[in-house]
């Protein structure tokens, strides 16, 4: 259950690679997205009652599948994604707004955090970026960094005061949920040392252990169990995770 909008950061294609078979699918998805853009319509998310702006849908599809920021991303957001410290500095000197969201709903700090550009994150924080700034889904830079797996960025954000148990977002997920889902075992270990709630549940009732097991990240699951995660609470749709995780205790 991937819920973090990767419109802001390191692309999915960069993590797993676009093969010859997946590229046509990616291109087809982008063509569909552009058709939706022309329609200027909005579409209802079946998991919620609110209307999802079509530009957010397009941005999410484009980046999840193809690994690019949409064409309407602002220059500061693009520079943050690229990790271009000089360009970010120049844009800030010219008055770029640190609190501005791009049309996908992402601020520069979250973009840089998800992409794992520690030097850009430090620069943005030093220039006054709000550690608690949120994207349109309510996620913070720490959620992004934990999901993206850059331990250096995670540590810096925590030092700056980011809340390791923040769940004030639409998904009600904590940074630990994202790190567990992506198998970021080193990030999970660090968050646990900072009193991250191992039994926190997101909006569907899933714990970090559920997320790790769902993606078969058994090293991460084992670490969570050693920290006190309860197998009985971590149940996948149709098949209890309990059977799998208990075999690895």
C-alpha atoms as a PDB file:
ATOM      1  CA  UNK A   1       0.000   0.000   0.000  1.00  0.00           C
ATOM      2  CA  UNK A   2       2.203   2.807  -1.249  1.00  0.00           C
ATOM      3  CA  UNK A   3       0.672   6.110  -0.217  1.00  0.00           C
ATOM      4  CA  UNK A   4       3.495   8.610  -0.455  1.00  0.00           C
ATOM      5  CA  UNK A   5       3.269  10.755  -3.574  1.00  0.00           C
ATOM      6  CA  UNK A   6       6.646  10.333  -5.202  1.00  0.00           C
ATOM      7  CA  UNK A   7       6.056  13.374  -7.353  1.00  0.00           C
ATOM      8  CA  UNK A   8       8.715  15.101  -5.337  1.00  0.00           C
ATOM      9  CA  UNK A   9      11.725  12.905  -5.228  1.00  0.00           C
ATOM     10  CA  UNK A  10      13.885  10.047  -6.292  1.00  0.00           C
ATOM     11  CA  UNK A  11      11.979   8.297  -9.004  1.00  0.00           C
ATOM     12  CA  UNK A  12      10.630   4.789  -8.825  1.00  0.00           C
ATOM     13  CA  UNK A  13      12.367   4.119 -12.137  1.00  0.00           C
ATOM     14  CA  UNK A  14      15.661   5.120 -10.578  1.00  0.00           C
ATOM     15  CA  UNK A  15      15.128   2.536  -7.840  1.00  0.00           C
ATOM     16  CA  UNK A  16      14.016  -0.433  -9.916  1.00  0.00           C
ATOM     17  CA  UNK A  17      14.905   0.559 -13.467  1.00  0.00           C
ATOM     18  CA  UNK A  18      12.650   0.872 -16.477  1.00  0.00           C
ATOM     19  CA  UNK A  19      12.898  -2.246 -18.584  1.00  0.00           C
ATOM     20  CA  UNK A  20      11.854  -2.596 -22.175  1.00  0.00           C
ATOM     21  CA  UNK A  21       8.583  -4.136 -21.031  1.00  0.00           C
ATOM     22  CA  UNK A  22       7.753  -1.478 -18.461  1.00  0.00           C
ATOM     23  CA  UNK A  23       8.607   1.545 -20.563  1.00  0.00           C
ATOM     24  CA  UNK A  24       5.596   1.207 -22.922  1.00  0.00           C
ATOM     25  CA  UNK A  25       3.339   0.964 -19.876  1.00  0.00           C
ATOM     26  CA  UNK A  26       4.934   4.076 -18.443  1.00  0.00           C
ATOM     27  CA  UNK A  27       4.484   5.963 -21.680  1.00  0.00           C
ATOM     28  CA  UNK A  28       0.856   4.860 -21.925  1.00  0.00           C
ATOM     29  CA  UNK A  29       0.167   6.047 -18.394  1.00  0.00           C
ATOM     30  CA  UNK A  30       1.644   9.434 -19.171  1.00  0.00           C
ATOM     31  CA  UNK A  31      -0.467   9.742 -22.325  1.00  0.00           C
ATOM     32  CA  UNK A  32      -3.568   8.984 -20.264  1.00  0.00           C
ATOM     33  CA  UNK A  33      -2.483  11.608 -17.763  1.00  0.00           C
ATOM     34  CA  UNK A  34      -2.169  14.234 -20.472  1.00  0.00           C
ATOM     35  CA  UNK A  35      -5.652  13.405 -21.735  1.00  0.00           C
ATOM     36  CA  UNK A  36      -6.963  13.962 -18.228  1.00  0.00           C
ATOM     37  CA  UNK A  37      -5.082  17.239 -18.082  1.00  0.00           C
ATOM     38  CA  UNK A  38      -6.794  18.451 -21.227  1.00  0.00           C
ATOM     39  CA  UNK A  39     -10.161  17.527 -19.754  1.00  0.00           C
ATOM     40  CA  UNK A  40      -9.508  19.891 -16.846  1.00  0.00           C
ATOM     41  CA  UNK A  41     -11.615  17.559 -14.734  1.00  0.00           C
ATOM     42  CA  UNK A  42     -11.236  16.200 -11.254  1.00  0.00           C
ATOM     43  CA  UNK A  43     -11.704  12.628 -10.178  1.00  0.00           C
ATOM     44  CA  UNK A  44     -13.004  11.124  -6.979  1.00  0.00           C
ATOM     45  CA  UNK A  45     -10.628   9.043  -4.922  1.00  0.00           C
ATOM     46  CA  UNK A  46     -12.598   5.891  -3.991  1.00  0.00           C
ATOM     47  CA  UNK A  47     -10.954   5.793  -0.561  1.00  0.00           C
ATOM     48  CA  UNK A  48     -12.187   9.233   0.410  1.00  0.00           C
ATOM     49  CA  UNK A  49     -15.056  11.601  -0.231  1.00  0.00           C
ATOM     50  CA  UNK A  50     -12.993  14.552  -1.399  1.00  0.00           C
ATOM     51  CA  UNK A  51     -12.208  15.291  -5.036  1.00  0.00           C
ATOM     52  CA  UNK A  52      -8.627  14.767  -6.166  1.00  0.00           C
ATOM     53  CA  UNK A  53      -7.422  17.543  -8.504  1.00  0.00           C
ATOM     54  CA  UNK A  54      -6.418  16.062 -11.814  1.00  0.00           C
ATOM     55  CA  UNK A  55      -3.019  17.757 -11.807  1.00  0.00           C
ATOM     56  CA  UNK A  56      -2.071  15.797  -8.684  1.00  0.00           C
ATOM     57  CA  UNK A  57      -3.147  12.552 -10.337  1.00  0.00           C
ATOM     58  CA  UNK A  58      -1.065  13.349 -13.408  1.00  0.00           C
ATOM     59  CA  UNK A  59       1.983  14.296 -11.385  1.00  0.00           C
ATOM     60  CA  UNK A  60       1.775  11.125  -9.340  1.00  0.00           C
ATOM     61  CA  UNK A  61       1.418   8.903 -12.417  1.00  0.00           C
ATOM     62  CA  UNK A  62       4.236  10.666 -14.248  1.00  0.00           C
ATOM     63  CA  UNK A  63       6.726  10.351 -11.435  1.00  0.00           C
ATOM     64  CA  UNK A  64       5.758   6.949 -10.037  1.00  0.00           C
ATOM     65  CA  UNK A  65       5.922   5.247 -13.413  1.00  0.00           C
ATOM     66  CA  UNK A  66       8.341   7.311 -15.461  1.00  0.00           C
ATOM     67  CA  UNK A  67      10.396   9.088 -12.837  1.00  0.00           C
ATOM     68  CA  UNK A  68      10.096  12.720 -13.879  1.00  0.00           C
ATOM     69  CA  UNK A  69       8.689  15.793 -12.264  1.00  0.00           C
ATOM     70  CA  UNK A  70       5.799  17.244 -14.231  1.00  0.00           C
ATOM     71  CA  UNK A  71       6.560  20.041 -16.660  1.00  0.00           C
ATOM     72  CA  UNK A  72       4.883  22.617 -14.420  1.00  0.00           C
ATOM     73  CA  UNK A  73       7.212  22.006 -11.453  1.00  0.00           C
ATOM     74  CA  UNK A  74       8.752  25.295 -10.340  1.00  0.00           C
ATOM     75  CA  UNK A  75      12.472  26.011 -10.740  1.00  0.00           C
ATOM     76  CA  UNK A  76      13.178  25.709  -7.010  1.00  0.00           C
ATOM     77  CA  UNK A  77      11.381  22.381  -6.847  1.00  0.00           C
ATOM     78  CA  UNK A  78      13.275  21.058  -9.854  1.00  0.00           C
ATOM     79  CA  UNK A  79      16.611  22.224  -8.455  1.00  0.00           C
ATOM     80  CA  UNK A  80      15.773  20.546  -5.137  1.00  0.00           C
ATOM     81  CA  UNK A  81      14.969  17.282  -6.916  1.00  0.00           C
ATOM     82  CA  UNK A  82      18.211  17.502  -8.894  1.00  0.00           C
ATOM     83  CA  UNK A  83      20.278  18.193  -5.771  1.00  0.00           C
ATOM     84  CA  UNK A  84      21.665  21.327  -7.403  1.00  0.00           C
ATOM     85  CA  UNK A  85      22.958  23.299  -4.413  1.00  0.00           C
ATOM     86  CA  UNK A  86      24.252  26.194  -6.500  1.00  0.00           C
ATOM     87  CA  UNK A  87      20.949  26.599  -8.326  1.00  0.00           C
ATOM     88  CA  UNK A  88      18.928  26.338  -5.112  1.00  0.00           C
ATOM     89  CA  UNK A  89      21.153  28.995  -3.534  1.00  0.00           C
ATOM     90  CA  UNK A  90      20.729  31.258  -6.550  1.00  0.00           C
ATOM     91  CA  UNK A  91      16.957  30.900  -6.540  1.00  0.00           C
ATOM     92  CA  UNK A  92      16.736  31.592  -2.819  1.00  0.00           C
ATOM     93  CA  UNK A  93      18.924  34.669  -3.237  1.00  0.00           C
ATOM     94  CA  UNK A  94      16.489  35.805  -5.917  1.00  0.00           C
ATOM     95  CA  UNK A  95      13.590  35.491  -3.512  1.00  0.00           C
ATOM     96  CA  UNK A  96      12.081  32.064  -4.177  1.00  0.00           C
ATOM     97  CA  UNK A  97       9.450  31.168  -1.594  1.00  0.00           C
ATOM     98  CA  UNK A  98      10.427  28.227   0.605  1.00  0.00           C
ATOM     99  CA  UNK A  99       6.814  27.612   1.564  1.00  0.00           C
ATOM    100  CA  UNK A 100       5.481  27.436  -1.993  1.00  0.00           C
ATOM    101  CA  UNK A 101       4.012  24.127  -3.114  1.00  0.00           C
ATOM    102  CA  UNK A 102       4.398  23.033  -6.693  1.00  0.00           C
ATOM    103  CA  UNK A 103       1.272  22.072  -8.608  1.00  0.00           C
ATOM    104  CA  UNK A 104       1.617  18.508  -7.353  1.00  0.00           C
ATOM    105  CA  UNK A 105       1.382  19.829  -3.807  1.00  0.00           C
ATOM    106  CA  UNK A 106       5.021  19.379  -2.781  1.00  0.00           C
ATOM    107  CA  UNK A 107       7.344  21.934  -1.130  1.00  0.00           C
ATOM    108  CA  UNK A 108      11.043  22.042  -1.926  1.00  0.00           C
ATOM    109  CA  UNK A 109      12.092  20.620   1.458  1.00  0.00           C
ATOM    110  CA  UNK A 110      10.003  17.493   0.976  1.00  0.00           C
ATOM    111  CA  UNK A 111      11.272  17.094  -2.575  1.00  0.00           C
ATOM    112  CA  UNK A 112      14.901  17.243  -1.451  1.00  0.00           C
ATOM    113  CA  UNK A 113      14.236  14.963   1.527  1.00  0.00           C
ATOM    114  CA  UNK A 114      12.603  12.260  -0.571  1.00  0.00           C
ATOM    115  CA  UNK A 115      15.374  12.483  -3.155  1.00  0.00           C
ATOM    116  CA  UNK A 116      17.982  12.113  -0.406  1.00  0.00           C
ATOM    117  CA  UNK A 117      19.893  15.312  -1.150  1.00  0.00           C
ATOM    118  CA  UNK A 118      21.260  16.018   2.326  1.00  0.00           C
ATOM    119  CA  UNK A 119      23.201  19.111   1.266  1.00  0.00           C
ATOM    120  CA  UNK A 120      20.083  20.693  -0.220  1.00  0.00           C
ATOM    121  CA  UNK A 121      18.046  19.788   2.860  1.00  0.00           C
ATOM    122  CA  UNK A 122      20.637  21.440   5.107  1.00  0.00           C
ATOM    123  CA  UNK A 123      20.687  24.520   2.886  1.00  0.00           C
ATOM    124  CA  UNK A 124      16.910  24.852   2.879  1.00  0.00           C
ATOM    125  CA  UNK A 125      16.741  24.470   6.659  1.00  0.00           C
ATOM    126  CA  UNK A 126      19.540  26.983   7.153  1.00  0.00           C
ATOM    127  CA  UNK A 127      17.662  29.429   4.947  1.00  0.00           C
ATOM    128  CA  UNK A 128      14.517  29.119   7.025  1.00  0.00           C
ATOM    129  CA  UNK A 129      12.491  26.219   5.656  1.00  0.00           C
ATOM    130  CA  UNK A 130       9.816  25.102   8.115  1.00  0.00           C
ATOM    131  CA  UNK A 131      10.652  21.644   9.459  1.00  0.00           C
ATOM    132  CA  UNK A 132       6.906  20.977   9.812  1.00  0.00           C
ATOM    133  CA  UNK A 133       5.872  22.052   6.313  1.00  0.00           C
ATOM    134  CA  UNK A 134       3.462  19.555   4.757  1.00  0.00           C
ATOM    135  CA  UNK A 135       2.492  18.503   1.284  1.00  0.00           C
ATOM    136  CA  UNK A 136      -1.133  18.354   0.180  1.00  0.00           C
ATOM    137  CA  UNK A 137      -1.486  14.934   1.765  1.00  0.00           C
ATOM    138  CA  UNK A 138      -0.234  16.262   5.097  1.00  0.00           C
ATOM    139  CA  UNK A 139       3.097  14.428   4.972  1.00  0.00           C
ATOM    140  CA  UNK A 140       6.276  16.045   6.277  1.00  0.00           C
ATOM    141  CA  UNK A 141       9.906  16.042   5.212  1.00  0.00           C
ATOM    142  CA  UNK A 142      10.617  13.293   7.745  1.00  0.00           C
ATOM    143  CA  UNK A 143       7.955  11.080   6.180  1.00  0.00           C
ATOM    144  CA  UNK A 144       9.634  11.696   2.828  1.00  0.00           C
ATOM    145  CA  UNK A 145      13.168  11.039   4.032  1.00  0.00           C
ATOM    146  CA  UNK A 146      12.154   7.873   5.884  1.00  0.00           C
ATOM    147  CA  UNK A 147      10.325   6.577   2.826  1.00  0.00           C
ATOM    148  CA  UNK A 148      13.219   7.514   0.545  1.00  0.00           C
ATOM    149  CA  UNK A 149      15.714   5.837   2.838  1.00  0.00           C
ATOM    150  CA  UNK A 150      18.389   8.486   3.315  1.00  0.00           C
ATOM    151  CA  UNK A 151      19.532   8.020   6.898  1.00  0.00           C
ATOM    152  CA  UNK A 152      21.646  11.182   6.910  1.00  0.00           C
ATOM    153  CA  UNK A 153      18.628  13.292   5.990  1.00  0.00           C
ATOM    154  CA  UNK A 154      16.438  11.488   8.525  1.00  0.00           C
ATOM    155  CA  UNK A 155      18.951  12.163  11.298  1.00  0.00           C
ATOM    156  CA  UNK A 156      19.266  15.824  10.377  1.00  0.00           C
ATOM    157  CA  UNK A 157      15.512  16.334  10.366  1.00  0.00           C
ATOM    158  CA  UNK A 158      15.151  14.654  13.758  1.00  0.00           C
ATOM    159  CA  UNK A 159      17.934  16.824  15.175  1.00  0.00           C
ATOM    160  CA  UNK A 160      16.043  19.846  13.880  1.00  0.00           C
ATOM    161  CA  UNK A 161      12.961  18.739  15.797  1.00  0.00           C
ATOM    162  CA  UNK A 162      10.900  16.676  13.363  1.00  0.00           C
ATOM    163  CA  UNK A 163       8.312  14.507  15.118  1.00  0.00           C
ATOM    164  CA  UNK A 164       9.098  10.806  14.642  1.00  0.00           C
ATOM    165  CA  UNK A 165       5.515   9.884  15.522  1.00  0.00           C
ATOM    166  CA  UNK A 166       3.741  12.427  13.348  1.00  0.00           C
ATOM    167  CA  UNK A 167       0.480  10.982  11.992  1.00  0.00           C
ATOM    168  CA  UNK A 168      -1.373  14.237  11.299  1.00  0.00           C
ATOM    169  CA  UNK A 169      -1.842  13.434   7.638  1.00  0.00           C
ATOM    170  CA  UNK A 170      -4.593  12.035   5.456  1.00  0.00           C
ATOM    171  CA  UNK A 171      -3.066   8.555   5.613  1.00  0.00           C
ATOM    172  CA  UNK A 172      -2.490   8.715   9.400  1.00  0.00           C
ATOM    173  CA  UNK A 173       0.886   7.128   8.748  1.00  0.00           C
ATOM    174  CA  UNK A 174       4.039   7.743  10.748  1.00  0.00           C
ATOM    175  CA  UNK A 175       7.537   8.012   9.275  1.00  0.00           C
ATOM    176  CA  UNK A 176       8.110   4.473  10.557  1.00  0.00           C
ATOM    177  CA  UNK A 177       5.331   3.169   8.301  1.00  0.00           C
ATOM    178  CA  UNK A 178       7.026   4.500   5.180  1.00  0.00           C
ATOM    179  CA  UNK A 179      10.472   3.268   6.161  1.00  0.00           C
ATOM    180  CA  UNK A 180       9.100  -0.191   6.970  1.00  0.00           C
ATOM    181  CA  UNK A 181       7.136  -0.422   3.733  1.00  0.00           C
ATOM    182  CA  UNK A 182      10.233   0.322   1.683  1.00  0.00           C
ATOM    183  CA  UNK A 183      12.493  -1.955   3.729  1.00  0.00           C
ATOM    184  CA  UNK A 184      14.706   0.870   4.980  1.00  0.00           C
ATOM    185  CA  UNK A 185      16.046  -1.211   7.850  1.00  0.00           C
ATOM    186  CA  UNK A 186      18.711   1.294   8.908  1.00  0.00           C
ATOM    187  CA  UNK A 187      16.151   4.089   9.031  1.00  0.00           C
ATOM    188  CA  UNK A 188      13.725   1.876  10.966  1.00  0.00           C
ATOM    189  CA  UNK A 189      16.475   1.072  13.468  1.00  0.00           C
ATOM    190  CA  UNK A 190      17.262   4.749  13.966  1.00  0.00           C
ATOM    191  CA  UNK A 191      13.626   5.785  14.354  1.00  0.00           C
ATOM    192  CA  UNK A 192      13.142   3.080  16.961  1.00  0.00           C
ATOM    193  CA  UNK A 193      16.008   4.560  18.990  1.00  0.00           C
ATOM    194  CA  UNK A 194      14.073   7.833  18.930  1.00  0.00           C
ATOM    195  CA  UNK A 195      10.956   6.240  20.449  1.00  0.00           C
ATOM    196  CA  UNK A 196       9.014   5.726  17.242  1.00  0.00           C
ATOM    197  CA  UNK A 197       5.766   3.904  18.046  1.00  0.00           C
ATOM    198  CA  UNK A 198       6.202   0.374  16.731  1.00  0.00           C
ATOM    199  CA  UNK A 199       2.466  -0.337  17.064  1.00  0.00           C
ATOM    200  CA  UNK A 200       1.140   2.834  15.426  1.00  0.00           C
ATOM    201  CA  UNK A 201      -1.698   2.171  12.996  1.00  0.00           C
ATOM    202  CA  UNK A 202      -2.426   4.082   9.823  1.00  0.00           C
ATOM    203  CA  UNK A 203      -5.903   4.786   8.463  1.00  0.00           C
ATOM    204  CA  UNK A 204      -6.475   1.190   7.313  1.00  0.00           C
ATOM    205  CA  UNK A 205      -5.305  -0.265  10.609  1.00  0.00           C
ATOM    206  CA  UNK A 206      -1.901  -1.377   9.341  1.00  0.00           C
ATOM    207  CA  UNK A 207       1.157  -1.273  11.580  1.00  0.00           C
ATOM    208  CA  UNK A 208       4.744  -0.820  10.384  1.00  0.00           C
ATOM    209  CA  UNK A 209       5.135  -4.595  10.715  1.00  0.00           C
ATOM    210  CA  UNK A 210       2.199  -5.075   8.362  1.00  0.00           C
ATOM    211  CA  UNK A 211       3.865  -2.778   5.857  1.00  0.00           C
ATOM    212  CA  UNK A 212       7.187  -4.600   6.049  1.00  0.00           C
ATOM    213  CA  UNK A 213       5.561  -8.013   5.737  1.00  0.00           C
ATOM    214  CA  UNK A 214       3.338  -6.927   2.877  1.00  0.00           C
ATOM    215  CA  UNK A 215       6.461  -6.104   0.882  1.00  0.00           C
ATOM    216  CA  UNK A 216       8.368  -9.162   2.185  1.00  0.00           C
ATOM    217  CA  UNK A 217      11.055  -7.075   3.894  1.00  0.00           C
ATOM    218  CA  UNK A 218      11.809  -9.761   6.454  1.00  0.00           C
ATOM    219  CA  UNK A 219      14.957  -8.172   7.902  1.00  0.00           C
ATOM    220  CA  UNK A 220      12.915  -5.078   8.630  1.00  0.00           C
ATOM    221  CA  UNK A 221      10.051  -7.174  10.005  1.00  0.00           C
ATOM    222  CA  UNK A 222      12.429  -9.049  12.307  1.00  0.00           C
ATOM    223  CA  UNK A 223      13.807  -5.767  13.638  1.00  0.00           C
ATOM    224  CA  UNK A 224      10.298  -4.495  14.327  1.00  0.00           C
ATOM    225  CA  UNK A 225       9.402  -7.712  16.160  1.00  0.00           C
ATOM    226  CA  UNK A 226      12.551  -7.446  18.254  1.00  0.00           C
ATOM    227  CA  UNK A 227      11.366  -3.950  19.180  1.00  0.00           C
ATOM    228  CA  UNK A 228       8.031  -5.328  20.378  1.00  0.00           C
ATOM    229  CA  UNK A 229       5.795  -5.339  17.306  1.00  0.00           C
ATOM    230  CA  UNK A 230       2.979  -7.835  17.812  1.00  0.00           C
ATOM    231  CA  UNK A 231       2.442 -10.313  15.007  1.00  0.00           C
ATOM    232  CA  UNK A 232      -1.222 -10.810  15.814  1.00  0.00           C
ATOM    233  CA  UNK A 233      -1.899  -7.156  15.063  1.00  0.00           C
ATOM    234  CA  UNK A 234      -0.172  -7.302  11.702  1.00  0.00           C
ATOM    235  CA  UNK A 235      -2.604  -9.015   9.382  1.00  0.00           C
ATOM    236  CA  UNK A 236      -2.713  -8.750   5.611  1.00  0.00           C
ATOM    237  CA  UNK A 237      -5.883  -8.931   3.557  1.00  0.00           C
ATOM    238  CA  UNK A 238      -6.721 -12.598   3.051  1.00  0.00           C
ATOM    239  CA  UNK A 239      -3.640 -14.102   4.706  1.00  0.00           C
ATOM    240  CA  UNK A 240      -2.377 -13.394   8.244  1.00  0.00           C
ATOM    241  CA  UNK A 241       1.150 -12.084   8.389  1.00  0.00           C
ATOM    242  CA  UNK A 242       1.339 -13.932  11.682  1.00  0.00           C
ATOM    243  CA  UNK A 243       2.191 -17.211   9.919  1.00  0.00           C
ATOM    244  CA  UNK A 244       5.133 -15.664   8.143  1.00  0.00           C
ATOM    245  CA  UNK A 245       6.566 -13.424  10.809  1.00  0.00           C
ATOM    246  CA  UNK A 246       6.395 -16.009  13.583  1.00  0.00           C
ATOM    247  CA  UNK A 247       8.539 -18.352  11.488  1.00  0.00           C
ATOM    248  CA  UNK A 248      11.228 -15.680  11.538  1.00  0.00           C
ATOM    249  CA  UNK A 249      11.184 -14.900  15.247  1.00  0.00           C
END
